[in-house]
């Protein structure tokens, strides 16, 4: 009997883990970095580590819980101009819990496909 209860518990936990409502599920978002118009204290002249820390601190200050920069790549859109709002080609990829989706969109981040 204990075997069947244990098996039932394992199956229930497995099915819960596959649910979209699982608080551990994450979504991927990105931000195309600008020359100097990003809402955190970092710009194109800072190192990736400085940018990562600045973005994660900004998101925490804005109430986004559990956000984590997963990579900073050079596959973003480069506008080829020197104005502050011009994108540099650097893309900041971020993983956030599903529950934070609306907040990320409100802050201007784009959901990755």
Protein backbone atom coordinates (compact mmCIF):
# COMPACT_ATOMS: atom_id res chain seq x y z
CA UNK A 1 0.00 0.00 0.00
CA UNK A 2 2.84 2.42 0.83
CA UNK A 3 4.32 1.70 -2.59
CA UNK A 4 1.12 2.83 -4.35
CA UNK A 5 0.84 6.01 -2.28
CA UNK A 6 4.47 6.85 -3.01
CA UNK A 7 3.96 6.22 -6.72
CA UNK A 8 0.82 8.36 -6.72
CA UNK A 9 2.70 11.19 -5.01
CA UNK A 10 5.59 11.01 -7.51
CA UNK A 11 3.19 11.05 -10.48
CA UNK A 12 1.28 14.01 -9.02
CA UNK A 13 4.50 15.98 -8.51
CA UNK A 14 5.67 15.13 -12.03
CA UNK A 15 2.40 16.34 -13.55
CA UNK A 16 2.53 19.53 -11.49
CA UNK A 17 6.06 20.15 -12.77
CA UNK A 18 4.77 20.10 -16.35
CA UNK A 19 2.04 22.65 -15.67
CA UNK A 20 2.27 26.17 -17.11
CA UNK A 21 1.10 27.46 -13.72
CA UNK A 22 4.18 26.04 -12.05
CA UNK A 23 5.92 28.94 -10.27
CA UNK A 24 9.28 27.44 -11.26
CA UNK A 25 8.51 27.77 -14.99
CA UNK A 26 10.41 30.57 -16.70
CA UNK A 27 10.11 32.71 -19.80
CA UNK A 28 12.85 34.32 -21.85
CA UNK A 29 12.88 38.05 -22.55
CA UNK A 30 15.42 40.32 -24.21
CA UNK A 31 16.44 43.95 -24.40
CA UNK A 32 18.35 45.52 -27.29
CA UNK A 33 20.91 47.75 -25.58
CA UNK A 34 21.10 51.40 -26.56
CA UNK A 35 24.07 53.74 -26.56
CA UNK A 36 22.99 55.44 -23.32
CA UNK A 37 19.17 55.42 -23.02
CA UNK A 38 18.68 52.17 -21.10
CA UNK A 39 16.82 52.58 -17.79
CA UNK A 40 19.70 51.23 -15.67
CA UNK A 41 23.09 52.77 -14.88
CA UNK A 42 25.00 51.04 -17.63
CA UNK A 43 25.68 51.77 -21.29
CA UNK A 44 27.54 50.38 -24.28
CA UNK A 45 30.90 51.33 -22.72
CA UNK A 46 30.48 49.05 -19.70
CA UNK A 47 31.61 45.42 -19.46
CA UNK A 48 29.11 42.57 -19.74
CA UNK A 49 29.53 41.89 -16.01
CA UNK A 50 28.73 45.51 -15.13
CA UNK A 51 25.73 45.46 -17.44
CA UNK A 52 24.48 42.16 -16.00
CA UNK A 53 24.66 43.50 -12.45
CA UNK A 54 22.99 46.78 -13.44
CA UNK A 55 20.11 45.02 -15.24
CA UNK A 56 19.49 42.53 -12.42
CA UNK A 57 19.55 45.34 -9.81
CA UNK A 58 17.19 47.45 -11.94
CA UNK A 59 14.71 44.58 -12.29
CA UNK A 60 14.85 43.88 -8.56
CA UNK A 61 14.22 47.58 -7.83
CA UNK A 62 11.25 47.48 -10.22
CA UNK A 63 9.73 44.52 -8.36
CA UNK A 64 10.57 41.78 -10.85
CA UNK A 65 11.29 38.78 -8.64
CA UNK A 66 13.61 36.01 -9.79
CA UNK A 67 14.96 37.69 -12.94
CA UNK A 68 18.37 36.58 -14.13
CA UNK A 69 20.51 37.71 -17.06
CA UNK A 70 21.34 34.50 -18.92
CA UNK A 71 23.53 35.97 -21.67
CA UNK A 72 24.67 39.12 -23.39
CA UNK A 73 25.16 38.58 -27.10
CA UNK A 74 25.93 40.57 -30.22
CA UNK A 75 22.94 39.34 -32.23
CA UNK A 76 20.70 42.34 -31.57
CA UNK A 77 19.72 45.15 -33.90
CA UNK A 78 22.47 47.69 -34.62
CA UNK A 79 21.08 51.00 -35.83
CA UNK A 80 24.40 52.48 -36.93
CA UNK A 81 23.94 55.90 -35.35
CA UNK A 82 25.50 57.63 -32.35
CA UNK A 83 22.39 59.00 -30.63
CA UNK A 84 21.58 57.75 -27.12
CA UNK A 85 18.46 55.90 -28.27
CA UNK A 86 20.24 54.02 -31.09
CA UNK A 87 20.65 50.30 -30.47
CA UNK A 88 24.20 48.97 -30.39
CA UNK A 89 23.67 45.40 -31.59
CA UNK A 90 24.08 44.03 -28.06
CA UNK A 91 21.17 41.93 -26.83
CA UNK A 92 20.60 41.23 -23.13
CA UNK A 93 18.77 37.92 -22.64
CA UNK A 94 16.88 37.46 -19.38
CA UNK A 95 15.07 34.55 -17.76
CA UNK A 96 12.11 35.36 -15.48
CA UNK A 97 9.39 33.35 -13.74
CA UNK A 98 6.14 33.10 -15.70
CA UNK A 99 4.42 35.15 -12.99
CA UNK A 100 6.56 38.18 -13.93
CA UNK A 101 5.56 38.27 -17.63
CA UNK A 102 3.23 41.29 -17.46
CA UNK A 103 5.73 43.29 -15.42
CA UNK A 104 8.52 42.64 -17.95
CA UNK A 105 6.30 43.71 -20.84
CA UNK A 106 5.31 46.86 -18.93
CA UNK A 107 9.01 47.69 -18.49
CA UNK A 108 9.59 47.44 -22.26
CA UNK A 109 11.27 44.04 -22.51
CA UNK A 110 10.36 41.79 -25.45
CA UNK A 111 9.46 38.14 -25.07
CA UNK A 112 11.77 35.77 -26.93
CA UNK A 113 10.22 33.27 -29.31
